Amino acid sequence: MEMVLFRNGIWDMLRKINESIDQVFRPLADAHHITMMQMRLLMELYQGGDHTIGSLAKALSLTGGNASSMCKRLEREGYLARARDSGDERVVNLHLTEKGEEIVHNVEECLDKRFRPFLQEKYNQDFSTIYEGFRLLTQMLEEIKELAS
């Protein structure tokens, strides 16, 4: 595969995927008066369990400062709680509050209700192929990233 085709093809597909994800998820985030990234952050805390600012930033590919700022805002809104680690006060531990869990449940319920029948009927078998393709693409891009370092 020519490098230009690989690069442009991947960029175009990722752009289209991002636009589609935005169209599906943005109305849910807007309904809760949060940004898409804030919704992703809440979902990561729900699915991945408690995090520190550092581990959350890494999971979401954010800088520590950006993750910290978002967490402060979400804490002010009552969606998560931050607490200094008793063993190391430089570490800030995070966990969802009841209000944060309610938002995640609501988002998941809306997505499940709206899209599960479609996905099960039309793409149940294709999903494993799609997932495996993304896994291979991610692996390839990680190897390319290592070469670039």
N, C-alpha and C. Protein backbone atom coordinates (compact mmCIF):
# COMPACT_ATOMS: atom_id res chain seq x y z
N MET A 1 0.86 -1.19 0.00
CA MET A 1 0.00 0.00 0.00
C MET A 1 0.89 1.24 0.00
N GLU A 2 0.58 2.15 -0.85
CA GLU A 2 1.35 3.38 -0.91
C GLU A 2 1.13 4.18 0.37
N MET A 3 2.17 4.87 0.80
CA MET A 3 2.10 5.63 2.05
C MET A 3 1.03 6.72 1.99
N VAL A 4 0.92 7.40 0.87
CA VAL A 4 -0.07 8.48 0.74
C VAL A 4 -1.48 7.91 0.86
N LEU A 5 -1.73 6.79 0.21
CA LEU A 5 -3.04 6.14 0.30
C LEU A 5 -3.33 5.72 1.74
N PHE A 6 -2.34 5.12 2.39
CA PHE A 6 -2.50 4.72 3.79
C PHE A 6 -2.81 5.93 4.66
N ARG A 7 -1.98 6.96 4.55
CA ARG A 7 -2.14 8.15 5.38
C ARG A 7 -3.48 8.83 5.13
N ASN A 8 -3.77 9.12 3.88
CA ASN A 8 -5.01 9.83 3.56
C ASN A 8 -6.24 8.98 3.84
N GLY A 9 -6.17 7.70 3.53
CA GLY A 9 -7.29 6.81 3.80
C GLY A 9 -7.61 6.73 5.27
N ILE A 10 -6.59 6.57 6.09
CA ILE A 10 -6.78 6.50 7.54
C ILE A 10 -7.32 7.83 8.06
N TRP A 11 -6.73 8.93 7.65
CA TRP A 11 -7.21 10.24 8.12
C TRP A 11 -8.66 10.48 7.73
N ASP A 12 -9.01 10.15 6.48
CA ASP A 12 -10.39 10.34 6.04
C ASP A 12 -11.36 9.48 6.84
N MET A 13 -11.00 8.21 7.04
CA MET A 13 -11.88 7.33 7.81
C MET A 13 -12.03 7.82 9.25
N LEU A 14 -10.93 8.21 9.87
CA LEU A 14 -11.00 8.68 11.26
C LEU A 14 -11.84 9.95 11.37
N ARG A 15 -11.70 10.84 10.38
CA ARG A 15 -12.52 12.05 10.38
C ARG A 15 -13.99 11.70 10.29
N LYS A 16 -14.34 10.80 9.39
CA LYS A 16 -15.73 10.38 9.23
C LYS A 16 -16.26 9.68 10.48
N ILE A 17 -15.42 8.86 11.09
CA ILE A 17 -15.81 8.18 12.33
C ILE A 17 -16.06 9.21 13.42
N ASN A 18 -15.14 10.17 13.56
CA ASN A 18 -15.31 11.21 14.59
C ASN A 18 -16.56 12.03 14.36
N GLU A 19 -16.83 12.38 13.12
CA GLU A 19 -18.06 13.15 12.81
C GLU A 19 -19.30 12.34 13.17
N SER A 20 -19.31 11.07 12.85
CA SER A 20 -20.46 10.22 13.15
C SER A 20 -20.65 10.05 14.65
N ILE A 21 -19.55 9.83 15.36
CA ILE A 21 -19.63 9.70 16.82
C ILE A 21 -20.16 10.99 17.42
N ASP A 22 -19.68 12.11 16.91
CA ASP A 22 -20.14 13.41 17.39
C ASP A 22 -21.65 13.56 17.19
N GLN A 23 -22.15 13.16 16.03
CA GLN A 23 -23.58 13.29 15.75
C GLN A 23 -24.43 12.40 16.65
N VAL A 24 -23.90 11.25 17.04
CA VAL A 24 -24.64 10.33 17.91
C VAL A 24 -24.58 10.78 19.37
N PHE A 25 -23.40 11.14 19.85
CA PHE A 25 -23.21 11.40 21.28
C PHE A 25 -23.46 12.84 21.70
N ARG A 26 -23.21 13.81 20.82
CA ARG A 26 -23.34 15.21 21.21
C ARG A 26 -24.71 15.55 21.79
N PRO A 27 -25.82 15.09 21.16
CA PRO A 27 -27.13 15.42 21.76
C PRO A 27 -27.28 14.90 23.19
N LEU A 28 -26.67 13.76 23.48
CA LEU A 28 -26.74 13.22 24.85
C LEU A 28 -25.93 14.08 25.82
N ALA A 29 -24.75 14.50 25.38
CA ALA A 29 -23.93 15.37 26.23
C ALA A 29 -24.62 16.72 26.42
N ASP A 30 -25.14 17.28 25.33
CA ASP A 30 -25.84 18.57 25.41
C ASP A 30 -27.03 18.50 26.35
N ALA A 31 -27.75 17.39 26.33
CA ALA A 31 -28.92 17.23 27.20
C ALA A 31 -28.54 17.29 28.68
N HIS A 32 -27.29 16.94 28.99
CA HIS A 32 -26.81 16.98 30.38
C HIS A 32 -25.93 18.19 30.66
N HIS A 33 -25.83 19.08 29.67
CA HIS A 33 -25.05 20.32 29.81
C HIS A 33 -23.58 20.05 30.11
N ILE A 34 -23.05 19.03 29.43
CA ILE A 34 -21.62 18.73 29.54
C ILE A 34 -21.06 18.59 28.13
N THR A 35 -19.74 18.64 28.04
CA THR A 35 -19.09 18.48 26.74
C THR A 35 -18.93 16.99 26.44
N MET A 36 -18.59 16.71 25.20
CA MET A 36 -18.36 15.33 24.80
C MET A 36 -17.21 14.72 25.62
N MET A 37 -16.14 15.49 25.80
CA MET A 37 -15.00 14.96 26.55
C MET A 37 -15.36 14.75 28.02
N GLN A 38 -16.18 15.63 28.58
CA GLN A 38 -16.61 15.43 29.96
C GLN A 38 -17.46 14.16 30.08
N MET A 39 -18.30 13.92 29.08
CA MET A 39 -19.09 12.70 29.09
C MET A 39 -18.18 11.48 29.00
N ARG A 40 -17.17 11.57 28.13
CA ARG A 40 -16.22 10.46 27.99
C ARG A 40 -15.49 10.23 29.30
N LEU A 41 -15.13 11.31 30.00
CA LEU A 41 -14.43 11.21 31.27
C LEU A 41 -15.32 10.50 32.31
N LEU A 42 -16.59 10.90 32.38
CA LEU A 42 -17.51 10.26 33.32
C LEU A 42 -17.68 8.78 32.99
N MET A 43 -17.77 8.47 31.70
CA MET A 43 -17.92 7.07 31.30
C MET A 43 -16.67 6.26 31.63
N GLU A 44 -15.50 6.86 31.49
CA GLU A 44 -14.26 6.17 31.84
C GLU A 44 -14.23 5.87 33.34
N LEU A 45 -14.63 6.83 34.15
CA LEU A 45 -14.66 6.59 35.60
C LEU A 45 -15.65 5.50 35.95
N TYR A 46 -16.77 5.48 35.25
CA TYR A 46 -17.78 4.47 35.52
C TYR A 46 -17.30 3.08 35.10
N GLN A 47 -16.76 2.98 33.91
CA GLN A 47 -16.35 1.68 33.38
C GLN A 47 -15.01 1.22 33.92
N GLY A 48 -14.09 2.17 34.13
CA GLY A 48 -12.74 1.81 34.56
C GLY A 48 -12.55 1.87 36.06
N GLY A 49 -13.56 2.28 36.79
CA GLY A 49 -13.42 2.41 38.24
C GLY A 49 -12.70 3.68 38.61
N ASP A 50 -12.39 3.79 39.88
CA ASP A 50 -11.72 4.99 40.37
C ASP A 50 -10.37 5.16 39.68
N HIS A 51 -10.00 6.42 39.51
CA HIS A 51 -8.75 6.78 38.84
C HIS A 51 -8.06 7.87 39.66
N THR A 52 -6.80 8.08 39.30
CA THR A 52 -6.12 9.30 39.73
C THR A 52 -6.19 10.24 38.54
N ILE A 53 -5.84 11.50 38.76
CA ILE A 53 -5.80 12.45 37.63
C ILE A 53 -4.86 11.91 36.56
N GLY A 54 -3.71 11.41 36.95
CA GLY A 54 -2.73 10.90 35.99
C GLY A 54 -3.22 9.71 35.19
N SER A 55 -3.83 8.74 35.86
CA SER A 55 -4.30 7.55 35.14
C SER A 55 -5.47 7.89 34.23
N LEU A 56 -6.31 8.83 34.66
CA LEU A 56 -7.44 9.25 33.84
C LEU A 56 -6.93 10.00 32.60
N ALA A 57 -5.96 10.89 32.81
CA ALA A 57 -5.38 11.63 31.69
C ALA A 57 -4.79 10.67 30.66
N LYS A 58 -4.10 9.66 31.13
CA LYS A 58 -3.50 8.68 30.22
C LYS A 58 -4.59 7.90 29.48
N ALA A 59 -5.62 7.48 30.18
CA ALA A 59 -6.71 6.70 29.57
C ALA A 59 -7.43 7.50 28.49
N LEU A 60 -7.51 8.82 28.66
CA LEU A 60 -8.24 9.67 27.72
C LEU A 60 -7.32 10.43 26.77
N SER A 61 -6.02 10.17 26.86
CA SER A 61 -5.02 10.86 26.03
C SER A 61 -5.10 12.38 26.21
N LEU A 62 -5.14 12.81 27.46
CA LEU A 62 -5.16 14.23 27.81
C LEU A 62 -3.90 14.57 28.58
N THR A 63 -3.61 15.86 28.66
CA THR A 63 -2.54 16.29 29.57
C THR A 63 -3.11 16.26 30.98
N GLY A 64 -2.25 16.17 31.96
CA GLY A 64 -2.70 16.17 33.35
C GLY A 64 -3.44 17.45 33.69
N GLY A 65 -2.98 18.58 33.17
CA GLY A 65 -3.63 19.87 33.44
C GLY A 65 -5.04 19.92 32.88
N ASN A 66 -5.23 19.42 31.65
CA ASN A 66 -6.57 19.41 31.06
C ASN A 66 -7.51 18.49 31.83
N ALA A 67 -7.00 17.32 32.20
CA ALA A 67 -7.82 16.38 32.97
C ALA A 67 -8.19 16.99 34.31
N SER A 68 -7.24 17.65 34.95
CA SER A 68 -7.49 18.27 36.24
C SER A 68 -8.55 19.37 36.14
N SER A 69 -8.43 20.21 35.12
CA SER A 69 -9.41 21.29 34.92
C SER A 69 -10.81 20.74 34.70
N MET A 70 -10.92 19.71 33.87
CA MET A 70 -12.23 19.11 33.62
C MET A 70 -12.81 18.51 34.90
N CYS A 71 -11.95 17.86 35.66
CA CYS A 71 -12.41 17.23 36.91
C CYS A 71 -12.87 18.28 37.92
N LYS A 72 -12.18 19.40 37.98
CA LYS A 72 -12.61 20.47 38.89
C LYS A 72 -14.00 20.96 38.53
N ARG A 73 -14.25 21.16 37.23
CA ARG A 73 -15.56 21.61 36.79
C ARG A 73 -16.63 20.57 37.10
N LEU A 74 -16.32 19.31 36.81
CA LEU A 74 -17.29 18.23 37.06
C LEU A 74 -17.54 18.05 38.55
N GLU A 75 -16.53 18.33 39.36
CA GLU A 75 -16.72 18.28 40.81
C GLU A 75 -17.65 19.42 41.25
N ARG A 76 -17.45 20.63 40.72
CA ARG A 76 -18.33 21.75 41.05
C ARG A 76 -19.79 21.46 40.68
N GLU A 77 -19.97 20.73 39.58
CA GLU A 77 -21.31 20.37 39.12
C GLU A 77 -21.89 19.18 39.90
N GLY A 78 -21.06 18.54 40.73
CA GLY A 78 -21.53 17.43 41.56
C GLY A 78 -21.46 16.07 40.91
N TYR A 79 -20.72 15.93 39.79
CA TYR A 79 -20.67 14.67 39.06
C TYR A 79 -19.56 13.73 39.53
N LEU A 80 -18.52 14.29 40.12
CA LEU A 80 -17.45 13.45 40.64
C LEU A 80 -16.87 14.09 41.89
N ALA A 81 -16.14 13.28 42.64
CA ALA A 81 -15.47 13.77 43.85
C ALA A 81 -13.97 13.55 43.68
N ARG A 82 -13.22 14.54 44.16
CA ARG A 82 -11.76 14.46 44.14
C ARG A 82 -11.29 14.44 45.58
N ALA A 83 -10.26 13.63 45.84
CA ALA A 83 -9.70 13.58 47.19
C ALA A 83 -8.20 13.32 47.10
N ARG A 84 -7.44 14.03 47.90
CA ARG A 84 -5.99 13.82 47.95
C ARG A 84 -5.73 12.43 48.55
N ASP A 85 -4.73 11.77 48.01
CA ASP A 85 -4.34 10.46 48.51
C ASP A 85 -3.68 10.63 49.88
N SER A 86 -4.08 9.82 50.84
CA SER A 86 -3.52 9.96 52.19
C SER A 86 -2.04 9.60 52.24
N GLY A 87 -1.59 8.72 51.35
CA GLY A 87 -0.19 8.32 51.33
C GLY A 87 0.71 9.27 50.55
N ASP A 88 0.14 10.00 49.59
CA ASP A 88 0.91 10.91 48.76
C ASP A 88 -0.01 12.05 48.34
N GLU A 89 0.13 13.19 48.97
CA GLU A 89 -0.79 14.30 48.73
C GLU A 89 -0.68 14.91 47.34
N ARG A 90 0.34 14.53 46.57
CA ARG A 90 0.43 15.00 45.19
C ARG A 90 -0.58 14.28 44.31
N VAL A 91 -1.04 13.13 44.76
CA VAL A 91 -1.96 12.30 43.99
C VAL A 91 -3.41 12.67 44.34
N VAL A 92 -4.22 12.89 43.29
CA VAL A 92 -5.64 13.19 43.49
C VAL A 92 -6.45 12.00 42.97
N ASN A 93 -7.22 11.39 43.87
CA ASN A 93 -8.07 10.27 43.52
C ASN A 93 -9.45 10.77 43.11
N LEU A 94 -10.06 10.10 42.15
CA LEU A 94 -11.35 10.51 41.61
C LEU A 94 -12.35 9.37 41.69
N HIS A 95 -13.59 9.70 41.96
CA HIS A 95 -14.66 8.72 41.82
C HIS A 95 -15.96 9.43 41.52
N LEU A 96 -16.85 8.71 40.84
CA LEU A 96 -18.14 9.28 40.47
C LEU A 96 -19.02 9.44 41.70
N THR A 97 -19.81 10.47 41.68
CA THR A 97 -20.84 10.64 42.70
C THR A 97 -22.11 9.96 42.18
N GLU A 98 -23.12 9.95 42.99
CA GLU A 98 -24.41 9.39 42.57
C GLU A 98 -24.94 10.14 41.34
N LYS A 99 -24.79 11.46 41.35
CA LYS A 99 -25.24 12.28 40.23
C LYS A 99 -24.47 11.92 38.95
N GLY A 100 -23.17 11.69 39.06
CA GLY A 100 -22.36 11.29 37.92
C GLY A 100 -22.78 9.92 37.39
N GLU A 101 -23.05 8.99 38.30
CA GLU A 101 -23.50 7.66 37.89
C GLU A 101 -24.85 7.74 37.19
N GLU A 102 -25.72 8.63 37.66
CA GLU A 102 -27.04 8.79 37.02
C GLU A 102 -26.89 9.22 35.57
N ILE A 103 -25.98 10.16 35.31
CA ILE A 103 -25.77 10.61 33.93
C ILE A 103 -25.28 9.46 33.06
N VAL A 104 -24.30 8.71 33.54
CA VAL A 104 -23.77 7.60 32.76
C VAL A 104 -24.86 6.57 32.49
N HIS A 105 -25.64 6.24 33.52
CA HIS A 105 -26.73 5.28 33.33
C HIS A 105 -27.73 5.80 32.30
N ASN A 106 -28.04 7.07 32.39
CA ASN A 106 -28.99 7.66 31.46
C ASN A 106 -28.47 7.61 30.02
N VAL A 107 -27.21 7.95 29.83
CA VAL A 107 -26.60 7.93 28.50
C VAL A 107 -26.59 6.50 27.96
N GLU A 108 -26.16 5.55 28.79
CA GLU A 108 -26.12 4.16 28.34
C GLU A 108 -27.52 3.64 28.02
N GLU A 109 -28.48 4.00 28.82
CA GLU A 109 -29.86 3.58 28.60
C GLU A 109 -30.39 4.14 27.27
N CYS A 110 -30.14 5.41 27.03
CA CYS A 110 -30.57 6.04 25.77
C CYS A 110 -29.92 5.36 24.57
N LEU A 111 -28.62 5.12 24.65
CA LEU A 111 -27.91 4.48 23.54
C LEU A 111 -28.42 3.05 23.32
N ASP A 112 -28.59 2.34 24.42
CA ASP A 112 -29.04 0.96 24.34
C ASP A 112 -30.43 0.86 23.71
N LYS A 113 -31.32 1.70 24.19
CA LYS A 113 -32.70 1.70 23.70
C LYS A 113 -32.76 2.07 22.21
N ARG A 114 -31.96 3.04 21.84
CA ARG A 114 -32.04 3.56 20.48
C ARG A 114 -31.30 2.71 19.45
N PHE A 115 -30.14 2.15 19.84
CA PHE A 115 -29.29 1.52 18.83
C PHE A 115 -29.11 0.01 18.96
N ARG A 116 -29.39 -0.58 20.10
CA ARG A 116 -29.17 -2.03 20.25
C ARG A 116 -29.92 -2.85 19.20
N PRO A 117 -31.22 -2.61 18.99
CA PRO A 117 -31.92 -3.43 17.98
C PRO A 117 -31.27 -3.35 16.60
N PHE A 118 -30.88 -2.16 16.20
CA PHE A 118 -30.24 -1.96 14.90
C PHE A 118 -28.91 -2.72 14.85
N LEU A 119 -28.09 -2.54 15.88
CA LEU A 119 -26.78 -3.17 15.88
C LEU A 119 -26.88 -4.69 15.94
N GLN A 120 -27.80 -5.21 16.73
CA GLN A 120 -27.94 -6.66 16.82
C GLN A 120 -28.44 -7.26 15.52
N GLU A 121 -29.37 -6.60 14.91
CA GLU A 121 -29.96 -7.13 13.68
C GLU A 121 -28.98 -7.05 12.51
N LYS A 122 -28.34 -5.92 12.39
CA LYS A 122 -27.58 -5.66 11.18
C LYS A 122 -26.09 -5.98 11.28
N TYR A 123 -25.50 -5.74 12.44
CA TYR A 123 -24.04 -5.78 12.50
C TYR A 123 -23.47 -6.69 13.58
N ASN A 124 -24.24 -7.58 14.12
CA ASN A 124 -23.75 -8.41 15.22
C ASN A 124 -22.48 -9.16 14.84
N GLN A 125 -22.48 -9.82 13.69
CA GLN A 125 -21.29 -10.58 13.28
C GLN A 125 -20.17 -9.67 12.80
N ASP A 126 -20.51 -8.57 12.17
CA ASP A 126 -19.49 -7.67 11.64
C ASP A 126 -18.72 -6.96 12.75
N PHE A 127 -19.32 -6.82 13.94
CA PHE A 127 -18.66 -6.06 14.99
C PHE A 127 -17.31 -6.64 15.35
N SER A 128 -17.20 -7.99 15.44
CA SER A 128 -15.90 -8.56 15.79
C SER A 128 -14.85 -8.28 14.73
N THR A 129 -15.26 -8.28 13.47
CA THR A 129 -14.34 -7.95 12.39
C THR A 129 -13.90 -6.49 12.48
N ILE A 130 -14.84 -5.60 12.73
CA ILE A 130 -14.54 -4.17 12.87
C ILE A 130 -13.60 -3.95 14.05
N TYR A 131 -13.92 -4.58 15.17
CA TYR A 131 -13.09 -4.43 16.38
C TYR A 131 -11.67 -4.94 16.11
N GLU A 132 -11.56 -6.08 15.47
CA GLU A 132 -10.23 -6.64 15.18
C GLU A 132 -9.46 -5.72 14.23
N GLY A 133 -10.15 -5.13 13.26
CA GLY A 133 -9.49 -4.19 12.35
C GLY A 133 -8.95 -2.97 13.09
N PHE A 134 -9.74 -2.44 14.01
CA PHE A 134 -9.28 -1.29 14.80
C PHE A 134 -8.11 -1.69 15.70
N ARG A 135 -8.16 -2.90 16.26
CA ARG A 135 -7.07 -3.36 17.11
C ARG A 135 -5.78 -3.44 16.29
N LEU A 136 -5.87 -4.00 15.10
CA LEU A 136 -4.69 -4.11 14.23
C LEU A 136 -4.19 -2.74 13.80
N LEU A 137 -5.11 -1.84 13.46
CA LEU A 137 -4.72 -0.48 13.09
C LEU A 137 -4.01 0.22 14.24
N THR A 138 -4.56 0.08 15.43
CA THR A 138 -3.94 0.69 16.61
C THR A 138 -2.54 0.13 16.83
N GLN A 139 -2.40 -1.18 16.70
CA GLN A 139 -1.09 -1.81 16.86
C GLN A 139 -0.10 -1.29 15.81
N MET A 140 -0.55 -1.19 14.57
CA MET A 140 0.31 -0.70 13.49
C MET A 140 0.73 0.75 13.77
N LEU A 141 -0.21 1.59 14.18
CA LEU A 141 0.11 2.99 14.45
C LEU A 141 1.04 3.12 15.65
N GLU A 142 0.90 2.25 16.65
CA GLU A 142 1.84 2.27 17.78
C GLU A 142 3.25 1.93 17.31
N GLU A 143 3.36 0.95 16.41
CA GLU A 143 4.68 0.59 15.87
C GLU A 143 5.27 1.74 15.05
N ILE A 144 4.42 2.41 14.27
CA ILE A 144 4.89 3.56 13.49
C ILE A 144 5.33 4.68 14.42
N LYS A 145 4.58 4.88 15.49
CA LYS A 145 4.93 5.91 16.49
C LYS A 145 6.30 5.62 17.09
N GLU A 146 6.59 4.37 17.36
CA GLU A 146 7.88 3.99 17.92
C GLU A 146 9.01 4.29 16.92
N LEU A 147 8.75 4.03 15.64
CA LEU A 147 9.76 4.34 14.62
C LEU A 147 10.03 5.83 14.51
N ALA A 148 8.99 6.63 14.76
CA ALA A 148 9.11 8.08 14.65
C ALA A 148 9.85 8.69 15.84
N SER A 149 9.92 7.96 16.94
CA SER A 149 10.56 8.49 18.17
C SER A 149 12.05 8.54 18.07
